[in-house]
Amino acid sequence: MIGFPVKFRSRLGATWTDGAFAASLHWNHVDAYEDRAGVRIDAWDTADVQASWNPETGALAGLRISLTVQNLLDEDPPFYDAASGFGFDPGQGSLLGRVVALQLVKRW
């Protein structure tokens, strides 16, 4: 129901590492639910990926470079005829779409 947590929400992922390199893939799921009038709001699935490089020795030791993509396939949240006029439930989805982040961290 709108304004309450869905009955089922999940995040499933896997990470692969090989020396200084790592990559991960996560699948996110928000189950279908109903609004107060009993209208079905569809389920929503997205995928997130991350790749990183973190050398442990040498001149670049302590450096970490990561590229993260949230909502890789740019999935729109399911439609909800909200009184606010936004057309989605902000408690269960996001209008941001695909978000790409590049991070550089140096540890001393």
PDB file of N, CA and C in Angstrom:
ATOM      1  N   MET A   1       0.843  -1.170   0.000  1.00  0.00           N
ATOM      2  CA  MET A   1       0.000   0.000   0.000  1.00  0.00           C
ATOM      3  C   MET A   1       0.894   1.241   0.000  1.00  0.00           C
ATOM      4  N   ILE A   2       0.428   2.272  -0.640  1.00  0.00           N
ATOM      5  CA  ILE A   2       1.171   3.528  -0.707  1.00  0.00           C
ATOM      6  C   ILE A   2       1.410   4.053   0.703  1.00  0.00           C
ATOM      7  N   GLY A   3       2.626   4.501   0.953  1.00  0.00           N
ATOM      8  CA  GLY A   3       2.987   5.031   2.263  1.00  0.00           C
ATOM      9  C   GLY A   3       3.486   3.988   3.245  1.00  0.00           C
ATOM     10  N   PHE A   4       3.480   2.725   2.849  1.00  0.00           N
ATOM     11  CA  PHE A   4       3.949   1.643   3.696  1.00  0.00           C
ATOM     12  C   PHE A   4       4.991   0.829   2.929  1.00  0.00           C
ATOM     13  N   PRO A   5       5.865   0.111   3.635  1.00  0.00           N
ATOM     14  CA  PRO A   5       6.837  -0.745   2.933  1.00  0.00           C
ATOM     15  C   PRO A   5       6.134  -1.842   2.134  1.00  0.00           C
ATOM     16  N   VAL A   6       6.712  -2.214   0.997  1.00  0.00           N
ATOM     17  CA  VAL A   6       6.167  -3.330   0.224  1.00  0.00           C
ATOM     18  C   VAL A   6       6.430  -4.624   0.981  1.00  0.00           C
ATOM     19  N   LYS A   7       5.682  -5.676   0.647  1.00  0.00           N
ATOM     20  CA  LYS A   7       5.841  -6.956   1.348  1.00  0.00           C
ATOM     21  C   LYS A   7       7.172  -7.620   1.029  1.00  0.00           C
ATOM     22  N   PHE A   8       7.689  -7.371  -0.182  1.00  0.00           N
ATOM     23  CA  PHE A   8       8.946  -8.022  -0.559  1.00  0.00           C
ATOM     24  C   PHE A   8       9.826  -7.063  -1.343  1.00  0.00           C
ATOM     25  N   ARG A   9      11.033  -6.851  -0.851  1.00  0.00           N
ATOM     26  CA  ARG A   9      12.046  -6.046  -1.516  1.00  0.00           C
ATOM     27  C   ARG A   9      13.347  -6.824  -1.382  1.00  0.00           C
ATOM     28  N   SER A  10      14.116  -6.936  -2.472  1.00  0.00           N
ATOM     29  CA  SER A  10      15.333  -7.737  -2.387  1.00  0.00           C
ATOM     30  C   SER A  10      16.472  -7.105  -3.178  1.00  0.00           C
ATOM     31  N   ARG A  11      17.677  -7.532  -2.834  1.00  0.00           N
ATOM     32  CA  ARG A  11      18.893  -7.144  -3.545  1.00  0.00           C
ATOM     33  C   ARG A  11      19.792  -8.371  -3.565  1.00  0.00           C
ATOM     34  N   LEU A  12      20.138  -8.804  -4.756  1.00  0.00           N
ATOM     35  CA  LEU A  12      20.960  -9.992  -4.932  1.00  0.00           C
ATOM     36  C   LEU A  12      22.172  -9.601  -5.751  1.00  0.00           C
ATOM     37  N   GLY A  13      23.355 -10.031  -5.340  1.00  0.00           N
ATOM     38  CA  GLY A  13      24.540  -9.611  -6.066  1.00  0.00           C
ATOM     39  C   GLY A  13      25.673 -10.601  -6.007  1.00  0.00           C
ATOM     40  N   ALA A  14      26.655 -10.331  -6.841  1.00  0.00           N
ATOM     41  CA  ALA A  14      27.866 -11.137  -6.892  1.00  0.00           C
ATOM     42  C   ALA A  14      29.048 -10.213  -7.158  1.00  0.00           C
ATOM     43  N   THR A  15      30.195 -10.566  -6.578  1.00  0.00           N
ATOM     44  CA  THR A  15      31.415  -9.787  -6.762  1.00  0.00           C
ATOM     45  C   THR A  15      32.528 -10.719  -7.202  1.00  0.00           C
ATOM     46  N   TRP A  16      33.308 -10.266  -8.170  1.00  0.00           N
ATOM     47  CA  TRP A  16      34.464 -11.015  -8.663  1.00  0.00           C
ATOM     48  C   TRP A  16      35.699 -10.159  -8.406  1.00  0.00           C
ATOM     49  N   THR A  17      36.755 -10.773  -7.865  1.00  0.00           N
ATOM     50  CA  THR A  17      38.014 -10.062  -7.651  1.00  0.00           C
ATOM     51  C   THR A  17      39.161 -10.869  -8.238  1.00  0.00           C
ATOM     52  N   ASP A  18      40.152 -10.146  -8.730  1.00  0.00           N
ATOM     53  CA  ASP A  18      41.374 -10.763  -9.267  1.00  0.00           C
ATOM     54  C   ASP A  18      42.504  -9.766  -9.032  1.00  0.00           C
ATOM     55  N   GLY A  19      43.228  -9.964  -7.940  1.00  0.00           N
ATOM     56  CA  GLY A  19      44.300  -9.033  -7.602  1.00  0.00           C
ATOM     57  C   GLY A  19      43.750  -7.657  -7.289  1.00  0.00           C
ATOM     58  N   ALA A  20      44.202  -6.664  -8.031  1.00  0.00           N
ATOM     59  CA  ALA A  20      43.794  -5.285  -7.784  1.00  0.00           C
ATOM     60  C   ALA A  20      42.458  -4.928  -8.435  1.00  0.00           C
ATOM     61  N   PHE A  21      41.896  -5.826  -9.239  1.00  0.00           N
ATOM     62  CA  PHE A  21      40.649  -5.537  -9.947  1.00  0.00           C
ATOM     63  C   PHE A  21      39.463  -6.215  -9.257  1.00  0.00           C
ATOM     64  N   ALA A  22      38.323  -5.529  -9.287  1.00  0.00           N
ATOM     65  CA  ALA A  22      37.092  -6.092  -8.741  1.00  0.00           C
ATOM     66  C   ALA A  22      35.917  -5.606  -9.588  1.00  0.00           C
ATOM     67  N   ALA A  23      34.914  -6.435  -9.694  1.00  0.00           N
ATOM     68  CA  ALA A  23      33.691  -6.059 -10.408  1.00  0.00           C
ATOM     69  C   ALA A  23      32.515  -6.686  -9.678  1.00  0.00           C
ATOM     70  N   SER A  24      31.407  -5.963  -9.649  1.00  0.00           N
ATOM     71  CA  SER A  24      30.215  -6.497  -8.996  1.00  0.00           C
ATOM     72  C   SER A  24      28.976  -6.156  -9.809  1.00  0.00           C
ATOM     73  N   LEU A  25      27.985  -7.007  -9.677  1.00  0.00           N
ATOM     74  CA  LEU A  25      26.691  -6.824 -10.318  1.00  0.00           C
ATOM     75  C   LEU A  25      25.628  -7.128  -9.276  1.00  0.00           C
ATOM     76  N   HIS A  26      24.664  -6.219  -9.131  1.00  0.00           N
ATOM     77  CA  HIS A  26      23.574  -6.410  -8.174  1.00  0.00           C
ATOM     78  C   HIS A  26      22.239  -6.190  -8.872  1.00  0.00           C
ATOM     79  N   TRP A  27      21.272  -7.031  -8.526  1.00  0.00           N
ATOM     80  CA  TRP A  27      19.906  -6.926  -9.035  1.00  0.00           C
ATOM     81  C   TRP A  27      19.025  -6.494  -7.879  1.00  0.00           C
ATOM     82  N   ASN A  28      18.186  -5.479  -8.113  1.00  0.00           N
ATOM     83  CA  ASN A  28      17.285  -4.945  -7.101  1.00  0.00           C
ATOM     84  C   ASN A  28      15.846  -5.196  -7.532  1.00  0.00           C
ATOM     85  N   HIS A  29      15.003  -5.584  -6.595  1.00  0.00           N
ATOM     86  CA  HIS A  29      13.607  -5.873  -6.914  1.00  0.00           C
ATOM     87  C   HIS A  29      12.694  -5.247  -5.865  1.00  0.00           C
ATOM     88  N   VAL A  30      11.663  -4.545  -6.328  1.00  0.00           N
ATOM     89  CA  VAL A  30      10.588  -4.050  -5.470  1.00  0.00           C
ATOM     90  C   VAL A  30       9.322  -4.740  -5.960  1.00  0.00           C
ATOM     91  N   ASP A  31       8.663  -5.486  -5.089  1.00  0.00           N
ATOM     92  CA  ASP A  31       7.497  -6.270  -5.468  1.00  0.00           C
ATOM     93  C   ASP A  31       6.313  -5.372  -5.832  1.00  0.00           C
ATOM     94  N   ALA A  32       5.380  -5.922  -6.600  1.00  0.00           N
ATOM     95  CA  ALA A  32       4.152  -5.210  -6.947  1.00  0.00           C
ATOM     96  C   ALA A  32       3.320  -4.992  -5.673  1.00  0.00           C
ATOM     97  N   TYR A  33       2.497  -3.954  -5.674  1.00  0.00           N
ATOM     98  CA  TYR A  33       1.646  -3.641  -4.531  1.00  0.00           C
ATOM     99  C   TYR A  33       0.438  -2.859  -5.027  1.00  0.00           C
ATOM    100  N   GLU A  34      -0.437  -2.446  -4.132  1.00  0.00           N
ATOM    101  CA  GLU A  34      -1.645  -1.723  -4.513  1.00  0.00           C
ATOM    102  C   GLU A  34      -1.691  -0.367  -3.842  1.00  0.00           C
ATOM    103  N   ASP A  35      -2.351   0.586  -4.521  1.00  0.00           N
ATOM    104  CA  ASP A  35      -2.573   1.888  -3.884  1.00  0.00           C
ATOM    105  C   ASP A  35      -3.826   1.789  -3.002  1.00  0.00           C
ATOM    106  N   ARG A  36      -4.228   2.885  -2.402  1.00  0.00           N
ATOM    107  CA  ARG A  36      -5.366   2.864  -1.470  1.00  0.00           C
ATOM    108  C   ARG A  36      -6.685   2.515  -2.162  1.00  0.00           C
ATOM    109  N   ALA A  37      -6.774   2.765  -3.465  1.00  0.00           N
ATOM    110  CA  ALA A  37      -7.987   2.443  -4.224  1.00  0.00           C
ATOM    111  C   ALA A  37      -7.969   1.012  -4.752  1.00  0.00           C
ATOM    112  N   GLY A  38      -6.896   0.255  -4.488  1.00  0.00           N
ATOM    113  CA  GLY A  38      -6.796  -1.120  -4.943  1.00  0.00           C
ATOM    114  C   GLY A  38      -6.212  -1.276  -6.332  1.00  0.00           C
ATOM    115  N   VAL A  39      -5.678  -0.195  -6.912  1.00  0.00           N
ATOM    116  CA  VAL A  39      -5.058  -0.251  -8.237  1.00  0.00           C
ATOM    117  C   VAL A  39      -3.654  -0.825  -8.096  1.00  0.00           C
ATOM    118  N   ARG A  40      -3.345  -1.804  -8.929  1.00  0.00           N
ATOM    119  CA  ARG A  40      -2.041  -2.483  -8.863  1.00  0.00           C
ATOM    120  C   ARG A  40      -0.919  -1.571  -9.367  1.00  0.00           C
ATOM    121  N   ILE A  41       0.164  -1.502  -8.596  1.00  0.00           N
ATOM    122  CA  ILE A  41       1.397  -0.816  -8.989  1.00  0.00           C
ATOM    123  C   ILE A  41       2.392  -1.918  -9.341  1.00  0.00           C
ATOM    124  N   ASP A  42       2.915  -1.906 -10.545  1.00  0.00           N
ATOM    125  CA  ASP A  42       3.791  -2.976 -11.018  1.00  0.00           C
ATOM    126  C   ASP A  42       5.081  -3.082 -10.214  1.00  0.00           C
ATOM    127  N   ALA A  43       5.701  -4.252 -10.295  1.00  0.00           N
ATOM    128  CA  ALA A  43       7.010  -4.483  -9.683  1.00  0.00           C
ATOM    129  C   ALA A  43       8.066  -3.670 -10.441  1.00  0.00           C
ATOM    130  N   TRP A  44       9.202  -3.466  -9.806  1.00  0.00           N
ATOM    131  CA  TRP A  44      10.273  -2.675 -10.403  1.00  0.00           C
ATOM    132  C   TRP A  44      11.595  -3.389 -10.196  1.00  0.00           C
ATOM    133  N   ASP A  45      12.330  -3.621 -11.276  1.00  0.00           N
ATOM    134  CA  ASP A  45      13.625  -4.289 -11.217  1.00  0.00           C
ATOM    135  C   ASP A  45      14.694  -3.394 -11.831  1.00  0.00           C
ATOM    136  N   THR A  46      15.832  -3.297 -11.158  1.00  0.00           N
ATOM    137  CA  THR A  46      16.968  -2.531 -11.675  1.00  0.00           C
ATOM    138  C   THR A  46      18.247  -3.320 -11.441  1.00  0.00           C
ATOM    139  N   ALA A  47      19.304  -2.925 -12.124  1.00  0.00           N
ATOM    140  CA  ALA A  47      20.614  -3.561 -11.966  1.00  0.00           C
ATOM    141  C   ALA A  47      21.669  -2.481 -11.715  1.00  0.00           C
ATOM    142  N   ASP A  48      22.603  -2.774 -10.828  1.00  0.00           N
ATOM    143  CA  ASP A  48      23.716  -1.883 -10.516  1.00  0.00           C
ATOM    144  C   ASP A  48      25.024  -2.626 -10.794  1.00  0.00           C
ATOM    145  N   VAL A  49      26.018  -1.924 -11.336  1.00  0.00           N
ATOM    146  CA  VAL A  49      27.337  -2.518 -11.564  1.00  0.00           C
ATOM    147  C   VAL A  49      28.421  -1.595 -11.004  1.00  0.00           C
ATOM    148  N   GLN A  50      29.542  -2.205 -10.649  1.00  0.00           N
ATOM    149  CA  GLN A  50      30.695  -1.437 -10.197  1.00  0.00           C
ATOM    150  C   GLN A  50      31.965  -2.151 -10.633  1.00  0.00           C
ATOM    151  N   ALA A  51      32.934  -1.381 -11.077  1.00  0.00           N
ATOM    152  CA  ALA A  51      34.266  -1.898 -11.398  1.00  0.00           C
ATOM    153  C   ALA A  51      35.273  -1.025 -10.665  1.00  0.00           C
ATOM    154  N   SER A  52      36.294  -1.656 -10.099  1.00  0.00           N
ATOM    155  CA  SER A  52      37.287  -0.879  -9.358  1.00  0.00           C
ATOM    156  C   SER A  52      38.685  -1.464  -9.536  1.00  0.00           C
ATOM    157  N   TRP A  53      39.642  -0.588  -9.314  1.00  0.00           N
ATOM    158  CA  TRP A  53      41.064  -0.950  -9.368  1.00  0.00           C
ATOM    159  C   TRP A  53      41.711  -0.404  -8.116  1.00  0.00           C
ATOM    160  N   ASN A  54      42.411  -1.273  -7.368  1.00  0.00           N
ATOM    161  CA  ASN A  54      42.980  -0.905  -6.082  1.00  0.00           C
ATOM    162  C   ASN A  54      44.331  -1.604  -5.900  1.00  0.00           C
ATOM    163  N   PRO A  55      45.414  -1.046  -6.479  1.00  0.00           N
ATOM    164  CA  PRO A  55      46.714  -1.713  -6.364  1.00  0.00           C
ATOM    165  C   PRO A  55      47.192  -1.727  -4.912  1.00  0.00           C
ATOM    166  N   GLU A  56      47.753  -2.869  -4.513  1.00  0.00           N
ATOM    167  CA  GLU A  56      48.210  -3.039  -3.132  1.00  0.00           C
ATOM    168  C   GLU A  56      49.696  -2.735  -2.953  1.00  0.00           C
ATOM    169  N   THR A  57      50.455  -2.733  -4.038  1.00  0.00           N
ATOM    170  CA  THR A  57      51.897  -2.467  -3.942  1.00  0.00           C
ATOM    171  C   THR A  57      52.293  -1.481  -5.032  1.00  0.00           C
ATOM    172  N   GLY A  58      53.508  -0.955  -4.907  1.00  0.00           N
ATOM    173  CA  GLY A  58      54.031  -0.052  -5.909  1.00  0.00           C
ATOM    174  C   GLY A  58      53.709   1.406  -5.617  1.00  0.00           C
ATOM    175  N   ALA A  59      54.040   2.268  -6.571  1.00  0.00           N
ATOM    176  CA  ALA A  59      53.868   3.713  -6.397  1.00  0.00           C
ATOM    177  C   ALA A  59      52.404   4.120  -6.243  1.00  0.00           C
ATOM    178  N   LEU A  60      51.472   3.323  -6.765  1.00  0.00           N
ATOM    179  CA  LEU A  60      50.055   3.667  -6.690  1.00  0.00           C
ATOM    180  C   LEU A  60      49.320   2.951  -5.559  1.00  0.00           C
ATOM    181  N   ALA A  61      50.065   2.310  -4.659  1.00  0.00           N
ATOM    182  CA  ALA A  61      49.441   1.644  -3.518  1.00  0.00           C
ATOM    183  C   ALA A  61      48.645   2.664  -2.713  1.00  0.00           C
ATOM    184  N   GLY A  62      47.462   2.277  -2.282  1.00  0.00           N
ATOM    185  CA  GLY A  62      46.594   3.178  -1.529  1.00  0.00           C
ATOM    186  C   GLY A  62      45.638   3.951  -2.417  1.00  0.00           C
ATOM    187  N   LEU A  63      45.783   3.822  -3.715  1.00  0.00           N
ATOM    188  CA  LEU A  63      44.889   4.491  -4.657  1.00  0.00           C
ATOM    189  C   LEU A  63      43.749   3.540  -5.015  1.00  0.00           C
ATOM    190  N   ARG A  64      42.563   4.059  -5.102  1.00  0.00           N
ATOM    191  CA  ARG A  64      41.412   3.256  -5.536  1.00  0.00           C
ATOM    192  C   ARG A  64      40.602   4.076  -6.523  1.00  0.00           C
ATOM    193  N   ILE A  65      40.336   3.486  -7.682  1.00  0.00           N
ATOM    194  CA  ILE A  65      39.503   4.112  -8.702  1.00  0.00           C
ATOM    195  C   ILE A  65      38.293   3.207  -8.903  1.00  0.00           C
ATOM    196  N   SER A  66      37.096   3.783  -8.807  1.00  0.00           N
ATOM    197  CA  SER A  66      35.866   3.002  -8.956  1.00  0.00           C
ATOM    198  C   SER A  66      34.925   3.687  -9.932  1.00  0.00           C
ATOM    199  N   LEU A  67      34.278   2.891 -10.757  1.00  0.00           N
ATOM    200  CA  LEU A  67      33.220   3.363 -11.645  1.00  0.00           C
ATOM    201  C   LEU A  67      31.960   2.606 -11.259  1.00  0.00           C
ATOM    202  N   THR A  68      30.919   3.338 -10.894  1.00  0.00           N
ATOM    203  CA  THR A  68      29.667   2.745 -10.455  1.00  0.00           C
ATOM    204  C   THR A  68      28.535   3.229 -11.354  1.00  0.00           C
ATOM    205  N   VAL A  69      27.660   2.326 -11.744  1.00  0.00           N
ATOM    206  CA  VAL A  69      26.464   2.687 -12.506  1.00  0.00           C
ATOM    207  C   VAL A  69      25.264   2.099 -11.778  1.00  0.00           C
ATOM    208  N   GLN A  70      24.407   2.969 -11.267  1.00  0.00           N
ATOM    209  CA  GLN A  70      23.168   2.535 -10.640  1.00  0.00           C
ATOM    210  C   GLN A  70      22.055   2.614 -11.678  1.00  0.00           C
ATOM    211  N   ASN A  71      21.136   1.667 -11.645  1.00  0.00           N
ATOM    212  CA  ASN A  71      20.045   1.565 -12.610  1.00  0.00           C
ATOM    213  C   ASN A  71      20.628   1.508 -14.026  1.00  0.00           C
ATOM    214  N   LEU A  72      21.465   0.520 -14.249  1.00  0.00           N
ATOM    215  CA  LEU A  72      22.218   0.353 -15.490  1.00  0.00           C
ATOM    216  C   LEU A  72      21.351   0.452 -16.744  1.00  0.00           C
ATOM    217  N   LEU A  73      20.181  -0.142 -16.735  1.00  0.00           N
ATOM    218  CA  LEU A  73      19.324  -0.164 -17.916  1.00  0.00           C
ATOM    219  C   LEU A  73      18.345   1.013 -17.962  1.00  0.00           C
ATOM    220  N   ASP A  74      18.502   1.972 -17.051  1.00  0.00           N
ATOM    221  CA  ASP A  74      17.687   3.186 -17.010  1.00  0.00           C
ATOM    222  C   ASP A  74      16.189   2.872 -16.955  1.00  0.00           C
ATOM    223  N   GLU A  75      15.812   1.987 -16.037  1.00  0.00           N
ATOM    224  CA  GLU A  75      14.413   1.586 -15.880  1.00  0.00           C
ATOM    225  C   GLU A  75      13.621   2.665 -15.146  1.00  0.00           C
ATOM    226  N   ASP A  76      12.493   3.066 -15.718  1.00  0.00           N
ATOM    227  CA  ASP A  76      11.603   4.024 -15.061  1.00  0.00           C
ATOM    228  C   ASP A  76      10.848   3.330 -13.934  1.00  0.00           C
ATOM    229  N   PRO A  77      10.538   4.048 -12.848  1.00  0.00           N
ATOM    230  CA  PRO A  77       9.717   3.441 -11.800  1.00  0.00           C
ATOM    231  C   PRO A  77       8.309   3.203 -12.340  1.00  0.00           C
ATOM    232  N   PRO A  78       7.570   2.256 -11.755  1.00  0.00           N
ATOM    233  CA  PRO A  78       6.214   1.996 -12.231  1.00  0.00           C
ATOM    234  C   PRO A  78       5.308   3.209 -12.008  1.00  0.00           C
ATOM    235  N   PHE A  79       4.332   3.363 -12.880  1.00  0.00           N
ATOM    236  CA  PHE A  79       3.417   4.498 -12.805  1.00  0.00           C
ATOM    237  C   PHE A  79       2.479   4.358 -11.618  1.00  0.00           C
ATOM    238  N   TYR A  80       2.303   5.465 -10.908  1.00  0.00           N
ATOM    239  CA  TYR A  80       1.321   5.574  -9.829  1.00  0.00           C
ATOM    240  C   TYR A  80       0.673   6.936  -9.984  1.00  0.00           C
ATOM    241  N   ASP A  81      -0.634   6.966 -10.072  1.00  0.00           N
ATOM    242  CA  ASP A  81      -1.382   8.210 -10.270  1.00  0.00           C
ATOM    243  C   ASP A  81      -1.461   8.961  -8.942  1.00  0.00           C
ATOM    244  N   ALA A  82      -0.359   9.569  -8.562  1.00  0.00           N
ATOM    245  CA  ALA A  82      -0.251  10.251  -7.274  1.00  0.00           C
ATOM    246  C   ALA A  82      -1.010  11.571  -7.275  1.00  0.00           C
ATOM    247  N   ALA A  83      -1.570  11.914  -6.125  1.00  0.00           N
ATOM    248  CA  ALA A  83      -2.276  13.184  -5.985  1.00  0.00           C
ATOM    249  C   ALA A  83      -1.333  14.365  -6.198  1.00  0.00           C
ATOM    250  N   SER A  84      -0.051  14.161  -5.932  1.00  0.00           N
ATOM    251  CA  SER A  84       0.936  15.236  -6.112  1.00  0.00           C
ATOM    252  C   SER A  84       1.203  15.516  -7.585  1.00  0.00           C
ATOM    253  N   GLY A  85       0.804  14.580  -8.455  1.00  0.00           N
ATOM    254  CA  GLY A  85       0.996  14.769  -9.886  1.00  0.00           C
ATOM    255  C   GLY A  85       2.322  14.273 -10.423  1.00  0.00           C
ATOM    256  N   PHE A  86       3.139  13.640  -9.597  1.00  0.00           N
ATOM    257  CA  PHE A  86       4.456  13.178 -10.037  1.00  0.00           C
ATOM    258  C   PHE A  86       4.411  11.884 -10.833  1.00  0.00           C
ATOM    259  N   GLY A  87       3.410  11.031 -10.653  1.00  0.00           N
ATOM    260  CA  GLY A  87       3.272   9.816 -11.432  1.00  0.00           C
ATOM    261  C   GLY A  87       4.106   8.635 -10.961  1.00  0.00           C
ATOM    262  N   PHE A  88       4.636   8.699  -9.756  1.00  0.00           N
ATOM    263  CA  PHE A  88       5.373   7.566  -9.189  1.00  0.00           C
ATOM    264  C   PHE A  88       5.324   7.667  -7.669  1.00  0.00           C
ATOM    265  N   ASP A  89       5.642   6.568  -7.002  1.00  0.00           N
ATOM    266  CA  ASP A  89       5.659   6.518  -5.538  1.00  0.00           C
ATOM    267  C   ASP A  89       7.094   6.718  -5.068  1.00  0.00           C
ATOM    268  N   PRO A  90       7.427   7.890  -4.509  1.00  0.00           N
ATOM    269  CA  PRO A  90       8.814   8.139  -4.110  1.00  0.00           C
ATOM    270  C   PRO A  90       9.290   7.241  -2.968  1.00  0.00           C
ATOM    271  N   GLY A  91       8.384   6.571  -2.277  1.00  0.00           N
ATOM    272  CA  GLY A  91       8.782   5.638  -1.226  1.00  0.00           C
ATOM    273  C   GLY A  91       9.321   4.330  -1.777  1.00  0.00           C
ATOM    274  N   GLN A  92       9.009   4.026  -3.034  1.00  0.00           N
ATOM    275  CA  GLN A  92       9.419   2.748  -3.620  1.00  0.00           C
ATOM    276  C   GLN A  92      10.293   2.900  -4.854  1.00  0.00           C
ATOM    277  N   GLY A  93      10.369   4.080  -5.434  1.00  0.00           N
ATOM    278  CA  GLY A  93      11.141   4.266  -6.664  1.00  0.00           C
ATOM    279  C   GLY A  93      11.824   5.615  -6.708  1.00  0.00           C
ATOM    280  N   SER A  94      12.561   5.843  -7.772  1.00  0.00           N
ATOM    281  CA  SER A  94      13.305   7.087  -7.937  1.00  0.00           C
ATOM    282  C   SER A  94      13.211   7.540  -9.384  1.00  0.00           C
ATOM    283  N   LEU A  95      13.105   8.850  -9.576  1.00  0.00           N
ATOM    284  CA  LEU A  95      13.073   9.409 -10.925  1.00  0.00           C
ATOM    285  C   LEU A  95      14.457   9.708 -11.478  1.00  0.00           C
ATOM    286  N   LEU A  96      15.497   9.469 -10.713  1.00  0.00           N
ATOM    287  CA  LEU A  96      16.843   9.814 -11.163  1.00  0.00           C
ATOM    288  C   LEU A  96      17.278   9.034 -12.400  1.00  0.00           C
ATOM    289  N   GLY A  97      16.767   7.843 -12.597  1.00  0.00           N
ATOM    290  CA  GLY A  97      17.195   7.047 -13.750  1.00  0.00           C
ATOM    291  C   GLY A  97      18.608   6.539 -13.539  1.00  0.00           C
ATOM    292  N   ARG A  98      19.345   6.410 -14.639  1.00  0.00           N
ATOM    293  CA  ARG A  98      20.720   5.902 -14.559  1.00  0.00           C
ATOM    294  C   ARG A  98      21.608   6.963 -13.900  1.00  0.00           C
ATOM    295  N   VAL A  99      22.414   6.531 -12.941  1.00  0.00           N
ATOM    296  CA  VAL A  99      23.353   7.418 -12.246  1.00  0.00           C
ATOM    297  C   VAL A  99      24.742   6.810 -12.390  1.00  0.00           C
ATOM    298  N   VAL A 100      25.682   7.601 -12.911  1.00  0.00           N
ATOM    299  CA  VAL A 100      27.060   7.138 -13.113  1.00  0.00           C
ATOM    300  C   VAL A 100      27.971   7.949 -12.194  1.00  0.00           C
ATOM    301  N   ALA A 101      28.852   7.252 -11.481  1.00  0.00           N
ATOM    302  CA  ALA A 101      29.777   7.924 -10.567  1.00  0.00           C
ATOM    303  C   ALA A 101      31.179   7.384 -10.770  1.00  0.00           C
ATOM    304  N   LEU A 102      32.134   8.286 -10.809  1.00  0.00           N
ATOM    305  CA  LEU A 102      33.550   7.934 -10.869  1.00  0.00           C
ATOM    306  C   LEU A 102      34.175   8.440  -9.569  1.00  0.00           C
ATOM    307  N   GLN A 103      34.839   7.538  -8.863  1.00  0.00           N
ATOM    308  CA  GLN A 103      35.404   7.878  -7.562  1.00  0.00           C
ATOM    309  C   GLN A 103      36.887   7.604  -7.547  1.00  0.00           C
ATOM    310  N   LEU A 104      37.633   8.540  -7.008  1.00  0.00           N
ATOM    311  CA  LEU A 104      39.078   8.412  -6.847  1.00  0.00           C
ATOM    312  C   LEU A 104      39.396   8.646  -5.374  1.00  0.00           C
ATOM    313  N   VAL A 105      40.001   7.640  -4.733  1.00  0.00           N
ATOM    314  CA  VAL A 105      40.333   7.711  -3.314  1.00  0.00           C
ATOM    315  C   VAL A 105      41.817   7.430  -3.160  1.00  0.00           C
ATOM    316  N   LYS A 106      42.508   8.242  -2.364  1.00  0.00           N
ATOM    317  CA  LYS A 106      43.917   8.015  -2.048  1.00  0.00           C
ATOM    318  C   LYS A 106      44.064   7.921  -0.544  1.00  0.00           C
ATOM    319  N   ARG A 107      44.553   6.792  -0.073  1.00  0.00           N
ATOM    320  CA  ARG A 107      44.796   6.594   1.362  1.00  0.00           C
ATOM    321  C   ARG A 107      46.281   6.803   1.643  1.00  0.00           C
ATOM    322  N   TRP A 108      46.567   7.505   2.678  1.00  0.00           N
ATOM    323  CA  TRP A 108      47.966   7.819   3.026  1.00  0.00           C
ATOM    324  C   TRP A 108      48.447   6.934   4.132  1.00  0.00           C
TER     325      TRP A 108
END
